[in-house]
C-alpha cells in the first residue's frame, strides 16, 4: 500500500488507512487499534504522500525522509522515542536530514515524523516506500 492511502487527521492520534470513500467523506481505519471511523469532508485531513519537510534549499517529500530514517535504523524501529526531549529529537533529525530548516520544522513536527515512522513500521507499511520507488522508476523507463 502506498502513502496515498494513509492519512493523518487533525485532532486524532496516529495514522489512518482509507477503507472506502463516501459521498460526504471517507471511512478510515486506525493503524493503532484497527477501529473504523467515518470522517467528513470538513475534517482537516493530510495525505502522507502530499506532506513535505522544509530544508534550507527545497521541500523533501515525507516518503524520502521516512526512507532515510529506515536506512539509518536498518529497517528497524527508531532508536529514540517520539516522547524524548526537544534536543534529542532535533539531534536525531539532524542526522537523518542534515539541512532541514530549523526555523520552520518544529520539535512537534519531528515527533510526528518519528511516531508515524514507528507506526508504519509496526504495520509493515514501510515496504511500500521501496515498491513505490521501483514502480516509478519502471514507469520512467517505458
N, C-alpha and C. Protein backbone atom coordinates (compact mmCIF):
# COMPACT_ATOMS: atom_id res chain seq x y z
N UNK A 1 0.84 -1.18 0.00
CA UNK A 1 0.00 0.00 0.00
C UNK A 1 0.89 1.24 0.00
N UNK A 2 0.50 2.22 -0.79
CA UNK A 2 1.31 3.44 -0.87
C UNK A 2 0.86 4.46 0.17
N UNK A 3 1.65 5.51 0.31
CA UNK A 3 1.31 6.57 1.27
C UNK A 3 0.09 7.38 0.81
N UNK A 4 -0.38 7.14 -0.40
CA UNK A 4 -1.59 7.83 -0.90
C UNK A 4 -2.83 7.40 -0.12
N UNK A 5 -2.78 6.24 0.50
CA UNK A 5 -3.94 5.70 1.23
C UNK A 5 -3.83 5.89 2.74
N UNK A 6 -2.74 6.53 3.20
CA UNK A 6 -2.53 6.73 4.63
C UNK A 6 -2.76 8.20 4.96
N UNK A 7 -3.56 8.45 6.00
CA UNK A 7 -3.95 9.80 6.37
C UNK A 7 -3.56 10.15 7.79
N UNK A 8 -3.35 11.43 8.01
CA UNK A 8 -3.23 11.99 9.35
C UNK A 8 -4.45 12.90 9.50
N UNK A 9 -5.20 12.74 10.57
CA UNK A 9 -6.41 13.54 10.78
C UNK A 9 -6.18 14.44 11.98
N UNK A 10 -6.34 15.73 11.76
CA UNK A 10 -6.12 16.71 12.82
C UNK A 10 -7.05 16.44 14.00
N UNK A 11 -6.47 16.42 15.20
CA UNK A 11 -7.25 16.19 16.40
C UNK A 11 -7.42 14.73 16.77
N UNK A 12 -6.91 13.82 15.93
CA UNK A 12 -7.00 12.39 16.21
C UNK A 12 -5.58 11.80 16.23
N UNK A 13 -5.30 10.94 17.19
CA UNK A 13 -3.94 10.38 17.30
C UNK A 13 -3.64 9.35 16.21
N UNK A 14 -2.38 9.25 15.86
CA UNK A 14 -1.95 8.19 14.95
C UNK A 14 -2.26 8.45 13.49
N UNK A 15 -2.23 7.37 12.73
CA UNK A 15 -2.49 7.42 11.29
C UNK A 15 -3.69 6.55 10.96
N UNK A 16 -4.28 6.83 9.81
CA UNK A 16 -5.47 6.11 9.38
C UNK A 16 -5.32 5.67 7.93
N UNK A 17 -5.90 4.52 7.64
CA UNK A 17 -5.88 3.96 6.29
C UNK A 17 -7.28 4.13 5.70
N UNK A 18 -7.35 4.60 4.45
CA UNK A 18 -8.66 4.75 3.81
C UNK A 18 -9.21 3.37 3.50
N UNK A 19 -10.45 3.10 3.97
CA UNK A 19 -11.11 1.84 3.68
C UNK A 19 -11.96 2.03 2.43
N UNK A 20 -12.77 3.08 2.45
CA UNK A 20 -13.62 3.39 1.30
C UNK A 20 -14.02 4.86 1.36
N UNK A 21 -14.34 5.40 0.20
CA UNK A 21 -14.80 6.78 0.17
C UNK A 21 -16.31 6.81 0.11
N UNK A 22 -16.88 7.83 0.74
CA UNK A 22 -18.32 8.01 0.73
C UNK A 22 -18.64 9.34 0.06
N UNK A 23 -19.93 9.62 -0.11
CA UNK A 23 -20.32 10.89 -0.72
C UNK A 23 -19.86 12.08 0.10
N UNK A 24 -19.87 11.93 1.41
CA UNK A 24 -19.56 13.07 2.28
C UNK A 24 -18.19 13.00 2.94
N UNK A 25 -17.38 12.02 2.59
CA UNK A 25 -16.07 11.89 3.22
C UNK A 25 -15.46 10.53 2.96
N UNK A 26 -15.05 9.85 4.04
CA UNK A 26 -14.42 8.54 3.89
C UNK A 26 -14.56 7.72 5.17
N UNK A 27 -14.51 6.41 5.01
CA UNK A 27 -14.42 5.51 6.15
C UNK A 27 -12.94 5.16 6.26
N UNK A 28 -12.39 5.36 7.46
CA UNK A 28 -10.96 5.11 7.67
C UNK A 28 -10.77 4.16 8.84
N UNK A 29 -9.64 3.47 8.83
CA UNK A 29 -9.31 2.52 9.91
C UNK A 29 -8.02 2.95 10.57
N UNK A 30 -8.04 3.01 11.88
CA UNK A 30 -6.86 3.41 12.65
C UNK A 30 -5.77 2.36 12.54
N UNK A 31 -4.54 2.81 12.38
CA UNK A 31 -3.41 1.87 12.37
C UNK A 31 -3.02 1.48 13.79
N UNK A 32 -3.53 2.20 14.78
CA UNK A 32 -3.20 1.91 16.17
C UNK A 32 -4.06 0.76 16.71
N UNK A 33 -5.39 0.94 16.61
CA UNK A 33 -6.28 -0.07 17.21
C UNK A 33 -7.24 -0.73 16.22
N UNK A 34 -7.09 -0.43 14.93
CA UNK A 34 -7.89 -1.04 13.85
C UNK A 34 -9.38 -0.66 13.91
N UNK A 35 -9.75 0.33 14.72
CA UNK A 35 -11.14 0.77 14.77
C UNK A 35 -11.44 1.61 13.55
N UNK A 36 -12.65 1.46 13.04
CA UNK A 36 -13.08 2.23 11.87
C UNK A 36 -13.93 3.42 12.30
N UNK A 37 -13.69 4.54 11.65
CA UNK A 37 -14.50 5.74 11.90
C UNK A 37 -14.81 6.39 10.56
N UNK A 38 -15.83 7.22 10.56
CA UNK A 38 -16.18 7.98 9.37
C UNK A 38 -15.69 9.41 9.57
N UNK A 39 -15.01 9.93 8.57
CA UNK A 39 -14.57 11.33 8.63
C UNK A 39 -15.25 12.08 7.51
N UNK A 40 -15.73 13.27 7.84
CA UNK A 40 -16.40 14.10 6.86
C UNK A 40 -15.41 14.92 6.06
N UNK A 41 -15.89 15.50 4.99
CA UNK A 41 -15.05 16.34 4.14
C UNK A 41 -14.58 17.59 4.89
N UNK A 42 -15.28 17.95 5.97
CA UNK A 42 -14.91 19.14 6.73
C UNK A 42 -13.72 18.91 7.65
N UNK A 43 -13.35 17.65 7.87
CA UNK A 43 -12.21 17.33 8.74
C UNK A 43 -10.91 17.78 8.09
N UNK A 44 -9.96 18.16 8.92
CA UNK A 44 -8.65 18.57 8.42
C UNK A 44 -7.81 17.31 8.24
N UNK A 45 -7.72 16.84 6.99
CA UNK A 45 -7.05 15.58 6.67
C UNK A 45 -5.80 15.86 5.85
N UNK A 46 -4.71 15.18 6.19
CA UNK A 46 -3.47 15.29 5.42
C UNK A 46 -3.11 13.91 4.89
N UNK A 47 -2.88 13.82 3.59
CA UNK A 47 -2.45 12.56 2.98
C UNK A 47 -0.93 12.53 3.06
N UNK A 48 -0.37 11.45 3.59
CA UNK A 48 1.08 11.40 3.83
C UNK A 48 1.90 11.62 2.57
N UNK A 49 1.40 11.18 1.42
CA UNK A 49 2.18 11.34 0.19
C UNK A 49 2.29 12.81 -0.23
N UNK A 50 1.48 13.68 0.35
CA UNK A 50 1.50 15.10 -0.02
C UNK A 50 2.24 15.97 1.01
N UNK A 51 2.76 15.35 2.06
CA UNK A 51 3.47 16.09 3.10
C UNK A 51 4.95 16.16 2.73
N UNK A 52 5.56 17.33 2.99
CA UNK A 52 6.99 17.51 2.73
C UNK A 52 7.63 18.21 3.93
N UNK A 53 8.93 18.04 4.07
CA UNK A 53 9.69 18.66 5.16
C UNK A 53 10.56 19.76 4.56
N UNK A 54 10.54 20.93 5.19
CA UNK A 54 11.35 22.05 4.71
C UNK A 54 12.83 21.79 4.97
N UNK A 55 13.65 22.06 3.94
CA UNK A 55 15.10 22.10 4.13
C UNK A 55 15.54 23.51 3.74
N UNK A 56 16.82 23.77 3.84
CA UNK A 56 17.33 25.10 3.51
C UNK A 56 17.25 25.39 2.02
N UNK A 57 17.16 24.34 1.19
CA UNK A 57 17.15 24.54 -0.26
C UNK A 57 15.85 24.16 -0.94
N UNK A 58 15.11 23.21 -0.39
CA UNK A 58 13.90 22.71 -1.04
C UNK A 58 12.98 22.06 -0.01
N UNK A 59 11.88 21.51 -0.51
CA UNK A 59 10.99 20.71 0.33
C UNK A 59 11.22 19.24 -0.03
N UNK A 60 11.53 18.42 0.97
CA UNK A 60 11.78 17.00 0.75
C UNK A 60 10.50 16.23 1.08
N UNK A 61 10.01 15.41 0.14
CA UNK A 61 8.80 14.63 0.42
C UNK A 61 8.97 13.74 1.65
N UNK A 62 7.89 13.59 2.41
CA UNK A 62 7.92 12.76 3.62
C UNK A 62 8.39 11.35 3.30
N UNK A 63 8.00 10.82 2.15
CA UNK A 63 8.42 9.48 1.72
C UNK A 63 9.93 9.35 1.76
N UNK A 64 10.65 10.38 1.26
CA UNK A 64 12.11 10.35 1.23
C UNK A 64 12.69 10.42 2.65
N UNK A 65 12.07 11.22 3.50
CA UNK A 65 12.53 11.34 4.89
C UNK A 65 12.35 10.00 5.61
N UNK A 66 11.19 9.36 5.41
CA UNK A 66 10.94 8.05 6.03
C UNK A 66 11.94 7.02 5.54
N UNK A 67 12.28 7.10 4.26
CA UNK A 67 13.26 6.18 3.68
C UNK A 67 14.63 6.39 4.32
N UNK A 68 15.00 7.64 4.57
CA UNK A 68 16.29 7.94 5.20
C UNK A 68 16.32 7.41 6.64
N UNK A 69 15.19 7.54 7.34
CA UNK A 69 15.11 7.00 8.71
C UNK A 69 15.24 5.48 8.65
N UNK A 70 14.57 4.86 7.69
CA UNK A 70 14.63 3.40 7.55
C UNK A 70 16.06 2.96 7.28
N UNK A 71 16.78 3.69 6.43
CA UNK A 71 18.17 3.34 6.14
C UNK A 71 19.04 3.50 7.38
N UNK A 72 18.82 4.60 8.11
CA UNK A 72 19.60 4.87 9.33
C UNK A 72 19.37 3.77 10.37
N UNK A 73 18.13 3.31 10.48
CA UNK A 73 17.76 2.31 11.50
C UNK A 73 17.84 0.87 10.98
N UNK A 74 18.34 0.69 9.76
CA UNK A 74 18.42 -0.64 9.14
C UNK A 74 17.07 -1.36 9.12
N UNK A 75 16.01 -0.62 8.85
CA UNK A 75 14.69 -1.21 8.74
C UNK A 75 14.00 -1.51 10.06
N UNK A 76 14.59 -1.10 11.16
CA UNK A 76 14.01 -1.36 12.49
C UNK A 76 13.29 -0.11 13.01
N UNK A 77 12.68 -0.24 14.21
CA UNK A 77 12.06 0.90 14.89
C UNK A 77 13.15 1.95 15.17
N UNK A 78 12.74 3.19 15.39
CA UNK A 78 13.73 4.24 15.68
C UNK A 78 14.40 3.98 17.02
N UNK A 79 15.63 4.43 17.13
CA UNK A 79 16.39 4.23 18.36
C UNK A 79 15.95 5.21 19.45
N UNK A 80 15.17 6.23 19.07
CA UNK A 80 14.63 7.17 20.06
C UNK A 80 13.12 7.12 20.02
N UNK A 81 12.49 7.65 21.04
CA UNK A 81 11.03 7.69 21.12
C UNK A 81 10.54 9.08 20.72
N UNK A 82 9.31 9.14 20.23
CA UNK A 82 8.73 10.45 19.91
C UNK A 82 8.47 11.25 21.19
N UNK A 83 8.59 10.59 22.34
CA UNK A 83 8.36 11.27 23.62
C UNK A 83 9.65 11.84 24.21
N UNK A 84 10.78 11.63 23.53
CA UNK A 84 12.05 12.17 24.02
C UNK A 84 12.04 13.69 23.97
N UNK A 85 13.02 14.29 24.61
CA UNK A 85 13.11 15.74 24.69
C UNK A 85 13.42 16.40 23.35
N UNK A 86 13.16 17.70 23.31
CA UNK A 86 13.34 18.51 22.10
C UNK A 86 14.75 18.38 21.54
N UNK A 87 15.77 18.49 22.40
CA UNK A 87 17.16 18.43 21.95
C UNK A 87 17.49 17.07 21.33
N UNK A 88 17.02 16.00 21.96
CA UNK A 88 17.27 14.65 21.45
C UNK A 88 16.61 14.47 20.09
N UNK A 89 15.37 14.94 19.96
CA UNK A 89 14.64 14.82 18.70
C UNK A 89 15.34 15.60 17.58
N UNK A 90 15.75 16.83 17.88
CA UNK A 90 16.41 17.66 16.87
C UNK A 90 17.75 17.08 16.46
N UNK A 91 18.49 16.55 17.43
CA UNK A 91 19.78 15.93 17.14
C UNK A 91 19.60 14.72 16.22
N UNK A 92 18.61 13.89 16.53
CA UNK A 92 18.31 12.71 15.71
C UNK A 92 17.92 13.12 14.29
N UNK A 93 17.04 14.12 14.19
CA UNK A 93 16.54 14.55 12.88
C UNK A 93 17.66 15.18 12.06
N UNK A 94 18.59 15.84 12.73
CA UNK A 94 19.73 16.44 12.05
C UNK A 94 20.60 15.35 11.41
N UNK A 95 20.69 14.18 12.06
CA UNK A 95 21.44 13.06 11.50
C UNK A 95 20.73 12.49 10.27
N UNK A 96 19.40 12.51 10.29
CA UNK A 96 18.61 11.97 9.18
C UNK A 96 18.57 12.95 8.01
N UNK A 97 18.33 14.22 8.31
CA UNK A 97 18.16 15.26 7.28
C UNK A 97 18.98 16.47 7.70
N UNK A 98 20.29 16.46 7.42
CA UNK A 98 21.21 17.48 7.94
C UNK A 98 20.85 18.92 7.59
N UNK A 99 20.20 19.14 6.46
CA UNK A 99 19.91 20.52 6.07
C UNK A 99 18.45 20.93 6.29
N UNK A 100 17.77 20.26 7.23
CA UNK A 100 16.38 20.66 7.48
C UNK A 100 16.35 22.07 8.07
N UNK A 101 15.29 22.80 7.76
CA UNK A 101 15.16 24.20 8.18
C UNK A 101 14.69 24.26 9.63
N UNK A 102 15.60 24.58 10.52
CA UNK A 102 15.30 24.57 11.96
C UNK A 102 14.29 25.65 12.35
N UNK A 103 14.13 26.68 11.51
CA UNK A 103 13.17 27.74 11.80
C UNK A 103 11.74 27.34 11.44
N UNK A 104 11.59 26.42 10.48
CA UNK A 104 10.24 26.05 10.04
C UNK A 104 9.84 24.63 10.39
N UNK A 105 10.78 23.80 10.83
CA UNK A 105 10.47 22.44 11.27
C UNK A 105 10.61 22.41 12.78
N UNK A 106 9.47 22.28 13.46
CA UNK A 106 9.43 22.33 14.92
C UNK A 106 9.62 20.95 15.53
N UNK A 107 9.92 20.93 16.82
CA UNK A 107 10.07 19.66 17.55
C UNK A 107 8.79 18.83 17.43
N UNK A 108 7.62 19.50 17.42
CA UNK A 108 6.35 18.77 17.30
C UNK A 108 6.25 18.07 15.94
N UNK A 109 6.81 18.68 14.90
CA UNK A 109 6.82 18.05 13.58
C UNK A 109 7.72 16.81 13.58
N UNK A 110 8.88 16.94 14.23
CA UNK A 110 9.82 15.82 14.31
C UNK A 110 9.18 14.67 15.09
N UNK A 111 8.47 15.01 16.18
CA UNK A 111 7.76 13.99 16.96
C UNK A 111 6.80 13.20 16.08
N UNK A 112 6.03 13.94 15.26
CA UNK A 112 5.06 13.29 14.38
C UNK A 112 5.74 12.36 13.40
N UNK A 113 6.81 12.83 12.77
CA UNK A 113 7.50 12.02 11.77
C UNK A 113 8.01 10.73 12.41
N UNK A 114 8.61 10.83 13.59
CA UNK A 114 9.14 9.64 14.27
C UNK A 114 8.00 8.71 14.69
N UNK A 115 6.93 9.29 15.21
CA UNK A 115 5.77 8.48 15.60
C UNK A 115 5.17 7.79 14.37
N UNK A 116 5.02 8.52 13.28
CA UNK A 116 4.47 7.94 12.05
C UNK A 116 5.37 6.83 11.51
N UNK A 117 6.67 7.07 11.52
CA UNK A 117 7.60 6.04 11.05
C UNK A 117 7.40 4.75 11.84
N UNK A 118 7.39 4.87 13.17
CA UNK A 118 7.25 3.68 14.02
C UNK A 118 5.90 3.00 13.82
N UNK A 119 4.86 3.77 13.58
CA UNK A 119 3.53 3.21 13.34
C UNK A 119 3.49 2.49 11.99
N UNK A 120 4.08 3.08 10.98
CA UNK A 120 4.15 2.43 9.66
C UNK A 120 5.00 1.16 9.75
N UNK A 121 6.09 1.22 10.53
CA UNK A 121 6.95 0.04 10.72
C UNK A 121 6.17 -1.08 11.39
N UNK A 122 5.45 -0.74 12.44
CA UNK A 122 4.68 -1.73 13.20
C UNK A 122 3.63 -2.42 12.33
N UNK A 123 3.08 -1.68 11.37
CA UNK A 123 2.04 -2.23 10.49
C UNK A 123 2.61 -2.73 9.15
N UNK A 124 3.92 -2.89 9.07
CA UNK A 124 4.60 -3.38 7.86
C UNK A 124 4.23 -2.59 6.61
N UNK A 125 4.14 -1.28 6.74
CA UNK A 125 3.79 -0.44 5.60
C UNK A 125 5.00 0.31 5.03
N UNK A 126 6.17 0.12 5.61
CA UNK A 126 7.36 0.78 5.10
C UNK A 126 7.86 0.14 3.81
N UNK A 127 7.49 -1.11 3.58
CA UNK A 127 7.91 -1.78 2.34
C UNK A 127 7.35 -1.05 1.13
N UNK A 128 6.21 -0.39 1.29
CA UNK A 128 5.59 0.34 0.18
C UNK A 128 6.48 1.48 -0.30
N UNK A 129 7.36 1.99 0.55
CA UNK A 129 8.27 3.05 0.14
C UNK A 129 9.21 2.54 -0.94
N UNK A 130 9.67 1.31 -0.78
CA UNK A 130 10.59 0.73 -1.76
C UNK A 130 9.85 0.38 -3.05
N UNK A 131 8.70 -0.28 -2.93
CA UNK A 131 7.98 -0.71 -4.13
C UNK A 131 7.48 0.49 -4.91
N UNK A 132 7.07 1.57 -4.23
CA UNK A 132 6.64 2.78 -4.90
C UNK A 132 7.76 3.34 -5.77
N UNK A 133 8.96 3.35 -5.23
CA UNK A 133 10.13 3.86 -5.93
C UNK A 133 10.41 3.02 -7.17
N UNK A 134 10.33 1.68 -7.03
CA UNK A 134 10.61 0.79 -8.15
C UNK A 134 9.57 0.95 -9.25
N UNK A 135 8.30 1.12 -8.88
CA UNK A 135 7.24 1.31 -9.85
C UNK A 135 7.46 2.61 -10.61
N UNK A 136 7.81 3.67 -9.91
CA UNK A 136 8.06 4.96 -10.54
C UNK A 136 9.23 4.85 -11.51
N UNK A 137 10.29 4.18 -11.12
CA UNK A 137 11.46 4.02 -11.97
C UNK A 137 11.13 3.21 -13.24
N UNK A 138 10.34 2.15 -13.11
CA UNK A 138 9.99 1.34 -14.27
C UNK A 138 9.04 2.11 -15.19
N UNK A 139 8.19 2.97 -14.64
CA UNK A 139 7.30 3.78 -15.46
C UNK A 139 8.11 4.77 -16.30
N UNK A 140 9.18 5.32 -15.72
CA UNK A 140 10.01 6.29 -16.44
C UNK A 140 10.80 5.64 -17.56
N UNK A 141 11.15 4.35 -17.39
CA UNK A 141 11.92 3.65 -18.41
C UNK A 141 11.09 3.38 -19.65
N UNK A 142 9.80 3.21 -19.49
CA UNK A 142 8.92 2.85 -20.62
C UNK A 142 8.70 3.98 -21.56
